[in-house]
Amino acid sequence: EKVPPFNPSAKGSIRLLRLPHRHGSAKAIATAFDQLNISTPYVMIAQHDNFFIRDVQYLQQILNFMDDDDSKSWLQCVHFPSTATLKYVPKIKRRYGLDLENFCRPHKSRGLSQAAEKLCDLDGTFVPLIFWYGRTHIARTTYYTDMILRHFPLNVGDHLEELWGTRQLREILQCSAKTKSKNGHESEDNTA
């Protein structure tokens, strides 16, 4: 059934799954994975109440970049800019004392094959998120099936941001505290 504006173009496909009652975002995403037999290498997850803060004219370039062998090991998901991620690097440094600057990767990352650089043609930087936001994003299908959806029993009303996001933030902050402790920096773990 074609439901406007969900008309795929060219070789694309969009399937709309109408659920009979409210599931909450996490359970709805899990249900879609269970019922739609997703076979594409990537999925795009979009919340009904989320919006783009700027035009996205680089979708194909992001997918080309993610397809490159050099990116497959570290780039699993790309969240589009949102109000929560504006000025993210200084925000995280101020809020948590974490300096993300050294972990940001230019889209034209050194070490990419020349073919990948020609396909990508992106300007800007990938900024690592320490909290997984329930915002519009593209992810590897396997990232959902092998990581996100396997870690939690999902109930009606659950949100991945609250489940996966808080877990990710907690693990990153714990790792940071251990690293600071090992390097002689004061941390909550350092009671001596």
N, C-alpha and C. Protein backbone atom coordinates (compact mmCIF):
# COMPACT_ATOMS: atom_id res chain seq x y z
N GLU A 1 0.84 -1.18 0.00
CA GLU A 1 0.00 0.00 0.00
C GLU A 1 0.88 1.24 0.00
N LYS A 2 0.69 2.10 -0.98
CA LYS A 2 1.44 3.35 -1.04
C LYS A 2 0.68 4.43 -0.28
N VAL A 3 1.35 4.99 0.69
CA VAL A 3 0.75 6.03 1.51
C VAL A 3 1.59 7.28 1.37
N PRO A 4 1.06 8.34 0.74
CA PRO A 4 1.85 9.57 0.60
C PRO A 4 2.24 10.08 1.98
N PRO A 5 3.40 10.64 2.19
CA PRO A 5 4.45 10.92 1.22
C PRO A 5 5.49 9.81 1.13
N PHE A 6 5.14 8.58 1.48
CA PHE A 6 6.09 7.49 1.52
C PHE A 6 6.22 6.78 0.18
N ASN A 7 6.54 7.52 -0.85
CA ASN A 7 6.74 6.95 -2.17
C ASN A 7 8.23 6.85 -2.45
N PRO A 8 8.76 5.65 -2.53
CA PRO A 8 10.19 5.50 -2.77
C PRO A 8 10.57 5.98 -4.17
N SER A 9 11.81 6.42 -4.28
CA SER A 9 12.32 6.86 -5.57
C SER A 9 13.38 5.90 -6.05
N ALA A 10 13.57 5.85 -7.34
CA ALA A 10 14.60 5.01 -7.99
C ALA A 10 14.51 3.58 -7.47
N LYS A 11 15.60 3.10 -6.88
CA LYS A 11 15.67 1.71 -6.41
C LYS A 11 15.35 1.59 -4.92
N GLY A 12 14.91 2.65 -4.32
CA GLY A 12 14.65 2.64 -2.88
C GLY A 12 13.38 1.91 -2.51
N SER A 13 13.23 1.68 -1.24
CA SER A 13 12.00 1.08 -0.74
C SER A 13 11.70 1.65 0.63
N ILE A 14 10.46 1.88 0.86
CA ILE A 14 9.99 2.34 2.16
C ILE A 14 8.78 1.49 2.50
N ARG A 15 8.80 0.90 3.67
CA ARG A 15 7.65 0.13 4.11
C ARG A 15 7.10 0.76 5.38
N LEU A 16 5.82 0.91 5.42
CA LEU A 16 5.14 1.49 6.56
C LEU A 16 4.44 0.38 7.33
N LEU A 17 4.76 0.25 8.61
CA LEU A 17 4.13 -0.74 9.46
C LEU A 17 3.19 0.00 10.41
N ARG A 18 1.91 -0.24 10.27
CA ARG A 18 0.92 0.39 11.14
C ARG A 18 0.66 -0.54 12.31
N LEU A 19 0.97 -0.06 13.51
CA LEU A 19 0.76 -0.87 14.70
C LEU A 19 -0.65 -0.61 15.24
N PRO A 20 -1.30 -1.62 15.79
CA PRO A 20 -2.69 -1.48 16.22
C PRO A 20 -2.88 -0.62 17.47
N HIS A 21 -1.81 -0.43 18.22
CA HIS A 21 -1.90 0.39 19.44
C HIS A 21 -0.52 0.98 19.74
N ARG A 22 -0.48 1.85 20.72
CA ARG A 22 0.77 2.53 21.10
C ARG A 22 1.77 1.50 21.63
N HIS A 23 3.00 1.61 21.12
CA HIS A 23 4.07 0.72 21.56
C HIS A 23 5.18 1.47 22.30
N GLY A 24 5.36 2.75 22.01
CA GLY A 24 6.55 3.47 22.47
C GLY A 24 7.63 3.24 21.43
N SER A 25 8.58 4.14 21.35
CA SER A 25 9.55 4.09 20.24
C SER A 25 10.39 2.81 20.25
N ALA A 26 10.88 2.37 21.40
CA ALA A 26 11.77 1.19 21.43
C ALA A 26 11.03 -0.06 20.98
N LYS A 27 9.86 -0.29 21.53
CA LYS A 27 9.08 -1.48 21.17
C LYS A 27 8.61 -1.41 19.71
N ALA A 28 8.29 -0.22 19.23
CA ALA A 28 7.87 -0.06 17.83
C ALA A 28 9.03 -0.40 16.88
N ILE A 29 10.23 0.07 17.22
CA ILE A 29 11.40 -0.24 16.38
C ILE A 29 11.67 -1.74 16.39
N ALA A 30 11.62 -2.36 17.57
CA ALA A 30 11.85 -3.80 17.68
C ALA A 30 10.78 -4.57 16.90
N THR A 31 9.55 -4.14 16.97
CA THR A 31 8.47 -4.79 16.24
C THR A 31 8.69 -4.68 14.73
N ALA A 32 9.13 -3.52 14.28
CA ALA A 32 9.44 -3.35 12.85
C ALA A 32 10.53 -4.32 12.41
N PHE A 33 11.58 -4.45 13.23
CA PHE A 33 12.64 -5.40 12.88
C PHE A 33 12.11 -6.83 12.86
N ASP A 34 11.24 -7.17 13.79
CA ASP A 34 10.68 -8.53 13.86
C ASP A 34 9.76 -8.84 12.69
N GLN A 35 8.92 -7.89 12.30
CA GLN A 35 7.86 -8.17 11.33
C GLN A 35 8.22 -7.85 9.88
N LEU A 36 9.19 -6.97 9.65
CA LEU A 36 9.44 -6.54 8.28
C LEU A 36 10.58 -7.28 7.58
N ASN A 37 11.27 -8.16 8.27
CA ASN A 37 12.36 -8.91 7.65
C ASN A 37 13.30 -7.97 6.89
N ILE A 38 13.88 -7.04 7.60
CA ILE A 38 14.74 -6.01 7.01
C ILE A 38 16.01 -6.65 6.44
N SER A 39 16.28 -6.39 5.18
CA SER A 39 17.44 -6.99 4.53
C SER A 39 18.42 -5.95 3.99
N THR A 40 18.12 -4.68 4.20
CA THR A 40 19.01 -3.62 3.73
C THR A 40 20.19 -3.49 4.70
N PRO A 41 21.34 -3.02 4.21
CA PRO A 41 22.49 -2.87 5.11
C PRO A 41 22.32 -1.73 6.11
N TYR A 42 21.43 -0.79 5.81
CA TYR A 42 21.22 0.37 6.68
C TYR A 42 19.74 0.57 6.94
N VAL A 43 19.45 1.18 8.08
CA VAL A 43 18.09 1.62 8.39
C VAL A 43 18.15 3.08 8.77
N MET A 44 17.07 3.78 8.51
CA MET A 44 16.94 5.16 8.97
C MET A 44 15.78 5.19 9.95
N ILE A 45 16.07 5.63 11.15
CA ILE A 45 15.07 5.71 12.19
C ILE A 45 14.72 7.18 12.38
N ALA A 46 13.44 7.49 12.30
CA ALA A 46 12.99 8.88 12.45
C ALA A 46 11.82 8.90 13.43
N GLN A 47 11.93 9.75 14.40
CA GLN A 47 10.85 9.93 15.37
C GLN A 47 9.76 10.82 14.78
N HIS A 48 8.53 10.58 15.12
CA HIS A 48 7.42 11.39 14.59
C HIS A 48 7.47 12.82 15.10
N ASP A 49 8.09 13.05 16.24
CA ASP A 49 8.10 14.38 16.83
C ASP A 49 9.47 15.05 16.75
N ASN A 50 10.33 14.53 15.88
CA ASN A 50 11.66 15.09 15.73
C ASN A 50 11.77 15.76 14.37
N PHE A 51 12.63 16.73 14.27
CA PHE A 51 12.76 17.46 13.01
C PHE A 51 14.23 17.69 12.69
N PHE A 52 14.50 17.94 11.43
CA PHE A 52 15.84 18.29 11.00
C PHE A 52 16.07 19.76 11.29
N ILE A 53 17.24 20.11 11.80
CA ILE A 53 17.53 21.52 12.07
C ILE A 53 18.21 22.18 10.88
N ARG A 54 18.60 21.39 9.89
CA ARG A 54 19.12 21.94 8.63
C ARG A 54 18.88 20.91 7.53
N ASP A 55 18.92 21.39 6.30
CA ASP A 55 18.69 20.50 5.17
C ASP A 55 19.76 19.41 5.12
N VAL A 56 19.34 18.22 4.73
CA VAL A 56 20.27 17.10 4.57
C VAL A 56 20.39 16.84 3.08
N GLN A 57 21.50 17.28 2.52
CA GLN A 57 21.74 17.07 1.10
C GLN A 57 22.94 16.15 0.88
N TYR A 58 23.32 15.44 1.93
CA TYR A 58 24.54 14.64 1.90
C TYR A 58 24.29 13.19 2.32
N LEU A 59 23.06 12.74 2.20
CA LEU A 59 22.71 11.40 2.63
C LEU A 59 23.50 10.33 1.88
N GLN A 60 23.57 10.43 0.56
CA GLN A 60 24.30 9.44 -0.22
C GLN A 60 25.77 9.44 0.13
N GLN A 61 26.35 10.60 0.39
CA GLN A 61 27.76 10.68 0.77
C GLN A 61 28.03 10.00 2.11
N ILE A 62 27.10 10.13 3.05
CA ILE A 62 27.27 9.45 4.34
C ILE A 62 27.25 7.95 4.14
N LEU A 63 26.31 7.47 3.34
CA LEU A 63 26.23 6.03 3.08
C LEU A 63 27.49 5.54 2.37
N ASN A 64 27.99 6.32 1.41
CA ASN A 64 29.23 5.94 0.73
C ASN A 64 30.38 5.85 1.74
N PHE A 65 30.45 6.80 2.65
CA PHE A 65 31.50 6.81 3.66
C PHE A 65 31.37 5.59 4.57
N MET A 66 30.14 5.28 4.98
CA MET A 66 29.93 4.12 5.85
C MET A 66 30.25 2.82 5.13
N ASP A 67 30.08 2.79 3.80
CA ASP A 67 30.37 1.59 3.02
C ASP A 67 31.86 1.31 2.89
N ASP A 68 32.69 2.33 3.05
CA ASP A 68 34.12 2.15 2.89
C ASP A 68 34.66 1.23 3.98
N ASP A 69 35.54 0.30 3.59
CA ASP A 69 36.09 -0.67 4.53
C ASP A 69 36.75 -0.02 5.75
N ASP A 70 37.37 1.15 5.55
CA ASP A 70 38.05 1.82 6.66
C ASP A 70 37.06 2.34 7.70
N SER A 71 35.82 2.55 7.34
CA SER A 71 34.81 3.08 8.25
C SER A 71 34.01 1.99 8.95
N LYS A 72 34.00 0.80 8.39
CA LYS A 72 33.12 -0.26 8.90
C LYS A 72 33.44 -0.67 10.33
N SER A 73 34.67 -0.54 10.75
CA SER A 73 35.03 -0.99 12.09
C SER A 73 34.60 -0.02 13.18
N TRP A 74 34.47 1.25 12.86
CA TRP A 74 34.19 2.22 13.93
C TRP A 74 32.90 3.01 13.74
N LEU A 75 32.37 3.10 12.56
CA LEU A 75 31.20 3.94 12.32
C LEU A 75 29.96 3.06 12.15
N GLN A 76 29.14 3.00 13.19
CA GLN A 76 27.95 2.15 13.18
C GLN A 76 26.66 2.94 12.99
N CYS A 77 26.70 4.20 13.36
CA CYS A 77 25.47 4.98 13.38
C CYS A 77 25.82 6.46 13.21
N VAL A 78 25.03 7.18 12.43
CA VAL A 78 25.23 8.62 12.25
C VAL A 78 23.91 9.32 12.62
N HIS A 79 23.97 10.10 13.68
CA HIS A 79 22.82 10.91 14.09
C HIS A 79 22.90 12.24 13.36
N PHE A 80 21.79 12.68 12.83
CA PHE A 80 21.77 13.99 12.18
C PHE A 80 21.77 15.07 13.25
N PRO A 81 22.33 16.22 12.93
CA PRO A 81 22.36 17.30 13.93
C PRO A 81 20.96 17.60 14.46
N SER A 82 20.92 17.84 15.76
CA SER A 82 19.66 18.20 16.42
C SER A 82 19.97 19.28 17.44
N THR A 83 18.94 19.81 18.05
CA THR A 83 19.18 20.83 19.06
C THR A 83 20.00 20.28 20.22
N ALA A 84 19.90 18.98 20.50
CA ALA A 84 20.67 18.37 21.59
C ALA A 84 22.16 18.27 21.26
N THR A 85 22.51 18.28 19.98
CA THR A 85 23.92 18.08 19.61
C THR A 85 24.58 19.34 19.06
N LEU A 86 23.89 20.47 19.09
CA LEU A 86 24.52 21.72 18.68
C LEU A 86 25.63 22.07 19.68
N LYS A 87 26.79 22.48 19.18
CA LYS A 87 27.94 22.84 20.03
C LYS A 87 28.22 21.72 21.05
N TYR A 88 28.20 20.50 20.56
CA TYR A 88 28.27 19.31 21.40
C TYR A 88 29.61 19.15 22.11
N VAL A 89 30.72 19.37 21.40
CA VAL A 89 32.03 19.15 22.00
C VAL A 89 32.24 20.04 23.23
N PRO A 90 32.02 21.37 23.14
CA PRO A 90 32.19 22.18 24.35
C PRO A 90 31.13 21.89 25.42
N LYS A 91 29.94 21.51 25.00
CA LYS A 91 28.87 21.18 25.95
C LYS A 91 29.28 19.97 26.81
N ILE A 92 29.84 18.95 26.18
CA ILE A 92 30.23 17.73 26.90
C ILE A 92 31.44 18.00 27.79
N LYS A 93 32.35 18.83 27.32
CA LYS A 93 33.51 19.17 28.16
C LYS A 93 33.06 19.93 29.41
N ARG A 94 32.15 20.84 29.23
CA ARG A 94 31.63 21.63 30.36
C ARG A 94 30.82 20.75 31.31
N ARG A 95 29.98 19.89 30.78
CA ARG A 95 29.06 19.10 31.60
C ARG A 95 29.73 17.91 32.28
N TYR A 96 30.62 17.20 31.56
CA TYR A 96 31.18 15.95 32.09
C TYR A 96 32.71 15.97 32.22
N GLY A 97 33.35 17.03 31.76
CA GLY A 97 34.80 17.09 31.82
C GLY A 97 35.48 16.20 30.81
N LEU A 98 34.77 15.78 29.78
CA LEU A 98 35.34 14.91 28.74
C LEU A 98 35.69 15.75 27.53
N ASP A 99 36.90 15.57 27.03
CA ASP A 99 37.34 16.29 25.85
C ASP A 99 37.20 15.38 24.63
N LEU A 100 36.22 15.65 23.81
CA LEU A 100 35.95 14.82 22.63
C LEU A 100 36.77 15.22 21.42
N GLU A 101 37.45 16.35 21.52
CA GLU A 101 38.15 16.91 20.36
C GLU A 101 39.07 15.90 19.68
N ASN A 102 39.82 15.12 20.46
CA ASN A 102 40.76 14.16 19.89
C ASN A 102 40.08 12.94 19.25
N PHE A 103 38.79 12.78 19.53
CA PHE A 103 38.07 11.63 18.99
C PHE A 103 37.22 11.97 17.78
N CYS A 104 37.13 13.25 17.44
CA CYS A 104 36.37 13.66 16.27
C CYS A 104 37.12 13.24 15.01
N ARG A 105 36.40 12.76 14.04
CA ARG A 105 37.03 12.30 12.80
C ARG A 105 36.50 13.10 11.63
N PRO A 106 37.42 13.64 10.84
CA PRO A 106 36.96 14.34 9.62
C PRO A 106 36.29 13.35 8.69
N HIS A 107 35.29 13.81 7.96
CA HIS A 107 34.65 12.93 6.98
C HIS A 107 35.67 12.41 5.98
N LYS A 108 36.60 13.27 5.58
CA LYS A 108 37.65 12.83 4.67
C LYS A 108 38.81 12.34 5.53
N SER A 109 38.55 11.26 6.22
CA SER A 109 39.50 10.73 7.19
C SER A 109 40.77 10.25 6.51
N ARG A 110 41.90 10.57 7.11
CA ARG A 110 43.17 10.07 6.58
C ARG A 110 43.13 8.55 6.59
N GLY A 111 43.64 7.96 5.56
CA GLY A 111 43.66 6.51 5.48
C GLY A 111 42.52 5.94 4.65
N LEU A 112 41.55 6.76 4.28
CA LEU A 112 40.49 6.27 3.41
C LEU A 112 41.06 6.02 2.02
N SER A 113 40.51 5.06 1.35
CA SER A 113 40.95 4.80 -0.01
C SER A 113 40.60 6.01 -0.88
N GLN A 114 41.34 6.20 -1.97
CA GLN A 114 41.06 7.32 -2.87
C GLN A 114 39.66 7.20 -3.46
N ALA A 115 39.24 5.98 -3.74
CA ALA A 115 37.90 5.79 -4.28
C ALA A 115 36.84 6.25 -3.28
N ALA A 116 37.06 5.94 -2.01
CA ALA A 116 36.10 6.35 -0.98
C ALA A 116 36.07 7.87 -0.85
N GLU A 117 37.23 8.50 -0.92
CA GLU A 117 37.27 9.96 -0.81
C GLU A 117 36.50 10.60 -1.95
N LYS A 118 36.61 10.04 -3.16
CA LYS A 118 35.87 10.59 -4.30
C LYS A 118 34.36 10.39 -4.12
N LEU A 119 33.98 9.24 -3.58
CA LEU A 119 32.56 8.97 -3.37
C LEU A 119 31.97 9.82 -2.26
N CYS A 120 32.74 10.07 -1.23
CA CYS A 120 32.23 10.76 -0.06
C CYS A 120 32.01 12.24 -0.31
N ASP A 121 33.08 12.94 -0.64
CA ASP A 121 33.00 14.36 -0.91
C ASP A 121 32.20 15.11 0.16
N LEU A 122 32.53 14.86 1.41
CA LEU A 122 31.87 15.51 2.53
C LEU A 122 32.82 16.50 3.18
N ASP A 123 32.27 17.56 3.67
CA ASP A 123 33.03 18.50 4.48
C ASP A 123 32.48 18.41 5.89
N GLY A 124 33.33 18.56 6.87
CA GLY A 124 32.87 18.51 8.24
C GLY A 124 33.53 17.41 9.03
N THR A 125 32.95 17.09 10.16
CA THR A 125 33.56 16.15 11.09
C THR A 125 32.49 15.29 11.74
N PHE A 126 32.82 14.01 11.93
CA PHE A 126 31.98 13.14 12.74
C PHE A 126 32.37 13.38 14.19
N VAL A 127 31.40 13.65 15.03
CA VAL A 127 31.63 13.90 16.45
C VAL A 127 31.05 12.72 17.22
N PRO A 128 31.84 12.05 18.05
CA PRO A 128 31.29 10.92 18.80
C PRO A 128 30.28 11.40 19.83
N LEU A 129 29.20 10.66 19.97
CA LEU A 129 28.19 11.00 20.96
C LEU A 129 28.41 10.12 22.19
N ILE A 130 28.42 10.74 23.36
CA ILE A 130 28.58 9.95 24.58
C ILE A 130 27.22 9.49 25.10
N PHE A 131 26.16 10.01 24.53
CA PHE A 131 24.80 9.63 24.88
C PHE A 131 24.06 9.33 23.59
N TRP A 132 23.41 8.20 23.52
CA TRP A 132 22.67 7.81 22.32
C TRP A 132 21.32 8.50 22.36
N TYR A 133 21.13 9.42 21.44
CA TYR A 133 19.90 10.20 21.40
C TYR A 133 18.86 9.53 20.52
N GLY A 134 17.61 9.64 20.90
CA GLY A 134 16.51 9.11 20.10
C GLY A 134 16.12 10.10 19.02
N ARG A 135 17.09 10.48 18.21
CA ARG A 135 16.86 11.44 17.14
C ARG A 135 17.00 10.73 15.79
N THR A 136 16.65 11.43 14.74
CA THR A 136 16.74 10.85 13.40
C THR A 136 18.19 10.46 13.11
N HIS A 137 18.37 9.23 12.65
CA HIS A 137 19.72 8.73 12.38
C HIS A 137 19.68 7.59 11.36
N ILE A 138 20.87 7.32 10.83
CA ILE A 138 21.09 6.18 9.95
C ILE A 138 22.03 5.25 10.70
N ALA A 139 21.72 3.96 10.66
CA ALA A 139 22.58 2.99 11.35
C ALA A 139 22.71 1.74 10.51
N ARG A 140 23.78 1.03 10.77
CA ARG A 140 23.91 -0.29 10.16
C ARG A 140 22.79 -1.17 10.74
N THR A 141 22.15 -1.94 9.92
CA THR A 141 21.10 -2.83 10.38
C THR A 141 21.64 -3.76 11.45
N THR A 142 22.86 -4.25 11.26
CA THR A 142 23.47 -5.16 12.25
C THR A 142 23.73 -4.47 13.58
N TYR A 143 23.90 -3.17 13.60
CA TYR A 143 24.07 -2.43 14.86
C TYR A 143 22.80 -2.57 15.70
N TYR A 144 21.67 -2.51 15.04
CA TYR A 144 20.41 -2.71 15.76
C TYR A 144 20.20 -4.17 16.16
N THR A 145 20.36 -5.08 15.19
CA THR A 145 20.04 -6.48 15.47
C THR A 145 21.04 -7.13 16.42
N ASP A 146 22.32 -6.77 16.32
CA ASP A 146 23.35 -7.42 17.13
C ASP A 146 23.68 -6.69 18.43
N MET A 147 23.39 -5.40 18.49
CA MET A 147 23.76 -4.62 19.68
C MET A 147 22.54 -4.08 20.42
N ILE A 148 21.89 -3.14 19.83
CA ILE A 148 20.88 -2.36 20.56
C ILE A 148 19.68 -3.20 20.99
N LEU A 149 19.10 -3.95 20.08
CA LEU A 149 17.87 -4.66 20.41
C LEU A 149 18.09 -5.94 21.23
N ARG A 150 19.31 -6.37 21.36
CA ARG A 150 19.60 -7.59 22.13
C ARG A 150 19.86 -7.35 23.61
N HIS A 151 20.11 -6.12 23.99
CA HIS A 151 20.56 -5.86 25.36
C HIS A 151 19.46 -5.63 26.38
N PHE A 152 18.25 -5.38 25.95
CA PHE A 152 17.20 -5.03 26.90
C PHE A 152 15.91 -5.75 26.55
N PRO A 153 15.19 -6.22 27.58
CA PRO A 153 13.82 -6.65 27.30
C PRO A 153 13.00 -5.37 27.10
N LEU A 154 12.37 -5.24 25.96
CA LEU A 154 11.66 -4.01 25.64
C LEU A 154 10.18 -4.13 25.96
N ASN A 155 9.69 -3.13 26.66
CA ASN A 155 8.29 -3.09 27.06
C ASN A 155 7.59 -1.92 26.38
N VAL A 156 6.27 -2.00 26.33
CA VAL A 156 5.49 -0.90 25.78
C VAL A 156 5.81 0.37 26.56
N GLY A 157 6.10 1.44 25.84
CA GLY A 157 6.42 2.72 26.48
C GLY A 157 7.90 2.99 26.64
N ASP A 158 8.75 1.98 26.42
CA ASP A 158 10.20 2.19 26.54
C ASP A 158 10.73 3.05 25.42
N HIS A 159 11.82 3.75 25.71
CA HIS A 159 12.51 4.56 24.71
C HIS A 159 13.98 4.15 24.71
N LEU A 160 14.54 3.92 23.53
CA LEU A 160 15.94 3.52 23.44
C LEU A 160 16.87 4.56 24.04
N GLU A 161 16.50 5.82 23.92
CA GLU A 161 17.32 6.89 24.49
C GLU A 161 17.50 6.67 26.00
N GLU A 162 16.43 6.29 26.67
CA GLU A 162 16.51 6.07 28.11
C GLU A 162 17.24 4.78 28.46
N LEU A 163 17.11 3.77 27.62
CA LEU A 163 17.77 2.48 27.90
C LEU A 163 19.22 2.47 27.40
N TRP A 164 19.38 2.58 26.09
CA TRP A 164 20.71 2.50 25.48
C TRP A 164 21.53 3.76 25.79
N GLY A 165 20.90 4.92 25.73
CA GLY A 165 21.60 6.18 25.96
C GLY A 165 22.19 6.28 27.36
N THR A 166 21.40 5.95 28.37
CA THR A 166 21.92 6.03 29.74
C THR A 166 22.99 4.98 29.99
N ARG A 167 22.84 3.81 29.39
CA ARG A 167 23.88 2.78 29.53
C ARG A 167 25.19 3.25 28.90
N GLN A 168 25.09 3.78 27.69
CA GLN A 168 26.29 4.26 26.99
C GLN A 168 26.98 5.36 27.79
N LEU A 169 26.22 6.33 28.28
CA LEU A 169 26.80 7.42 29.06
C LEU A 169 27.47 6.88 30.32
N ARG A 170 26.80 6.00 31.03
CA ARG A 170 27.36 5.42 32.26
C ARG A 170 28.69 4.70 31.98
N GLU A 171 28.72 3.88 30.93
CA GLU A 171 29.94 3.12 30.60
C GLU A 171 31.08 4.06 30.20
N ILE A 172 30.79 5.09 29.44
CA ILE A 172 31.83 6.04 29.03
C ILE A 172 32.37 6.79 30.23
N LEU A 173 31.49 7.23 31.12
CA LEU A 173 31.95 7.96 32.31
C LEU A 173 32.75 7.06 33.24
N GLN A 174 32.35 5.79 33.38
CA GLN A 174 33.11 4.85 34.21
C GLN A 174 34.49 4.60 33.61
N CYS A 175 34.55 4.44 32.31
CA CYS A 175 35.83 4.22 31.62
C CYS A 175 36.72 5.44 31.79
N SER A 176 36.15 6.63 31.67
CA SER A 176 36.91 7.86 31.83
C SER A 176 37.46 7.99 33.24
N ALA A 177 36.64 7.65 34.24
CA ALA A 177 37.08 7.72 35.64
C ALA A 177 38.23 6.75 35.90
N LYS A 178 38.14 5.54 35.34
CA LYS A 178 39.22 4.55 35.52
C LYS A 178 40.50 5.02 34.86
N THR A 179 40.38 5.60 33.66
CA THR A 179 41.55 6.09 32.95
C THR A 179 42.21 7.21 33.72
N LYS A 180 41.42 8.15 34.24
CA LYS A 180 41.97 9.25 35.03
C LYS A 180 42.65 8.72 36.27
N SER A 181 42.07 7.72 36.91
CA SER A 181 42.64 7.13 38.12
C SER A 181 43.99 6.47 37.81
N LYS A 182 44.06 5.74 36.72
CA LYS A 182 45.31 5.06 36.33
C LYS A 182 46.40 6.05 35.97
N ASN A 183 46.01 7.21 35.45
CA ASN A 183 46.99 8.22 35.05
C ASN A 183 47.35 9.18 36.16
N GLY A 184 46.89 8.92 37.39
CA GLY A 184 47.24 9.77 38.51
C GLY A 184 46.35 10.98 38.67
N HIS A 185 45.28 11.04 37.90
CA HIS A 185 44.34 12.15 38.04
C HIS A 185 43.31 11.79 39.10
N GLU A 186 42.82 12.78 39.78
CA GLU A 186 41.81 12.55 40.79
C GLU A 186 40.49 12.19 40.14
N SER A 187 39.79 11.22 40.70
CA SER A 187 38.48 10.85 40.20
C SER A 187 37.66 10.30 41.35
N GLU A 188 36.41 10.04 41.12
CA GLU A 188 35.55 9.49 42.14
C GLU A 188 36.02 8.11 42.58
N ASP A 189 36.67 7.37 41.66
CA ASP A 189 37.15 6.04 42.00
C ASP A 189 38.43 6.08 42.83
N ASN A 190 39.11 7.22 42.87
CA ASN A 190 40.39 7.34 43.53
C ASN A 190 40.17 7.81 44.97
N THR A 191 40.09 6.88 45.90
CA THR A 191 39.80 7.21 47.29
C THR A 191 41.05 7.36 48.13
N ALA A 192 42.20 7.10 47.57
CA ALA A 192 43.45 7.18 48.35
C ALA A 192 43.90 8.61 48.54
